Amino acid sequence: MSMTLTNFGMDCGMRWNQMKRQFAEWRQRARSRSELQFLSDQTLRDIGVSRCDVHGESIKPFWMA
């Protein structure tokens, strides 16, 4: 299988886009977990999440779903 310079450029472009999406997802995940810690107890009850659940989420690394 031969790869032309054009195909190589397209492949790199697609991989770059995938990487950007992955980084954006990780950043959003970390932000969401951080924001959970600042919600009031009432708000957590409303959404059905306990402080224990929040702690469990907040200690997860950003790359873990």
C-alpha atoms as a PDB file:
ATOM      1  CA  MET A   1       0.000   0.000   0.000  1.00  0.00           C
ATOM      2  CA  SER A   2       1.496   3.292  -1.016  1.00  0.00           C
ATOM      3  CA  MET A   3       0.621   6.540   0.645  1.00  0.00           C
ATOM      4  CA  THR A   4       0.804   9.767  -1.261  1.00  0.00           C
ATOM      5  CA  LEU A   5       1.674  13.051   0.358  1.00  0.00           C
ATOM      6  CA  THR A   6      -1.961  14.133  -0.029  1.00  0.00           C
ATOM      7  CA  ASN A   7      -3.256  11.015   1.751  1.00  0.00           C
ATOM      8  CA  PHE A   8      -0.681  11.492   4.491  1.00  0.00           C
ATOM      9  CA  GLY A   9      -1.801  15.083   5.016  1.00  0.00           C
ATOM     10  CA  MET A  10      -5.458  14.056   5.171  1.00  0.00           C
ATOM     11  CA  ASP A  11      -4.668  11.269   7.639  1.00  0.00           C
ATOM     12  CA  CYS A  12      -2.703  13.655   9.877  1.00  0.00           C
ATOM     13  CA  GLY A  13      -5.521  16.175   9.684  1.00  0.00           C
ATOM     14  CA  MET A  14      -8.085  13.600  10.776  1.00  0.00           C
ATOM     15  CA  ARG A  15      -5.866  12.447  13.639  1.00  0.00           C
ATOM     16  CA  TRP A  16      -5.280  16.036  14.732  1.00  0.00           C
ATOM     17  CA  ASN A  17      -9.044  16.644  14.796  1.00  0.00           C
ATOM     18  CA  GLN A  18      -9.546  13.489  16.871  1.00  0.00           C
ATOM     19  CA  MET A  19      -6.876  14.659  19.319  1.00  0.00           C
ATOM     20  CA  LYS A  20      -8.474  18.091  19.620  1.00  0.00           C
ATOM     21  CA  ARG A  21     -11.863  16.502  20.334  1.00  0.00           C
ATOM     22  CA  GLN A  22     -10.299  14.216  22.950  1.00  0.00           C
ATOM     23  CA  PHE A  23      -8.550  17.118  24.706  1.00  0.00           C
ATOM     24  CA  ALA A  24     -11.781  19.132  24.679  1.00  0.00           C
ATOM     25  CA  GLU A  25     -13.655  16.180  26.202  1.00  0.00           C
ATOM     26  CA  TRP A  26     -11.033  15.782  28.925  1.00  0.00           C
ATOM     27  CA  ARG A  27     -11.110  19.505  29.694  1.00  0.00           C
ATOM     28  CA  GLN A  28     -14.920  19.478  29.947  1.00  0.00           C
ATOM     29  CA  ARG A  29     -14.855  16.389  32.156  1.00  0.00           C
ATOM     30  CA  ALA A  30     -12.353  17.973  34.547  1.00  0.00           C
ATOM     31  CA  ARG A  31     -14.358  21.219  34.640  1.00  0.00           C
ATOM     32  CA  SER A  32     -17.623  19.387  35.343  1.00  0.00           C
ATOM     33  CA  ARG A  33     -16.079  17.370  38.157  1.00  0.00           C
ATOM     34  CA  SER A  34     -14.644  20.509  39.682  1.00  0.00           C
ATOM     35  CA  GLU A  35     -17.972  22.335  39.505  1.00  0.00           C
ATOM     36  CA  LEU A  36     -19.761  19.452  41.252  1.00  0.00           C
ATOM     37  CA  GLN A  37     -17.774  20.194  44.403  1.00  0.00           C
ATOM     38  CA  PHE A  38     -19.280  23.677  44.666  1.00  0.00           C
ATOM     39  CA  LEU A  39     -22.948  22.700  44.308  1.00  0.00           C
ATOM     40  CA  SER A  40     -25.117  23.093  47.383  1.00  0.00           C
ATOM     41  CA  ASP A  41     -26.455  20.081  49.245  1.00  0.00           C
ATOM     42  CA  GLN A  42     -29.955  21.016  48.080  1.00  0.00           C
ATOM     43  CA  THR A  43     -28.889  21.064  44.429  1.00  0.00           C
ATOM     44  CA  LEU A  44     -27.114  17.727  44.819  1.00  0.00           C
ATOM     45  CA  ARG A  45     -30.267  16.226  46.352  1.00  0.00           C
ATOM     46  CA  ASP A  46     -32.299  17.613  43.440  1.00  0.00           C
ATOM     47  CA  ILE A  47     -30.094  15.845  40.910  1.00  0.00           C
ATOM     48  CA  GLY A  48     -29.810  12.678  43.007  1.00  0.00           C
ATOM     49  CA  VAL A  49     -26.107  12.890  43.831  1.00  0.00           C
ATOM     50  CA  SER A  50     -24.590  12.491  47.289  1.00  0.00           C
ATOM     51  CA  ARG A  51     -21.488  14.199  48.665  1.00  0.00           C
ATOM     52  CA  CYS A  52     -19.866  10.759  48.612  1.00  0.00           C
ATOM     53  CA  ASP A  53     -20.628  10.482  44.874  1.00  0.00           C
ATOM     54  CA  VAL A  54     -19.135  13.943  44.339  1.00  0.00           C
ATOM     55  CA  HIS A  55     -15.968  12.948  46.178  1.00  0.00           C
ATOM     56  CA  GLY A  56     -15.693   9.769  44.111  1.00  0.00           C
ATOM     57  CA  GLU A  57     -16.024  11.748  40.886  1.00  0.00           C
ATOM     58  CA  SER A  58     -13.659  14.505  41.962  1.00  0.00           C
ATOM     59  CA  ILE A  59     -10.751  12.137  42.625  1.00  0.00           C
ATOM     60  CA  LYS A  60     -10.994  10.450  39.224  1.00  0.00           C
ATOM     61  CA  PRO A  61      -8.306  11.395  36.719  1.00  0.00           C
ATOM     62  CA  PHE A  62      -9.581  13.570  33.851  1.00  0.00           C
ATOM     63  CA  TRP A  63      -9.115  10.785  31.299  1.00  0.00           C
ATOM     64  CA  MET A  64     -11.430   8.344  33.098  1.00  0.00           C
ATOM     65  CA  ALA A  65     -15.095   8.400  32.094  1.00  0.00           C
END
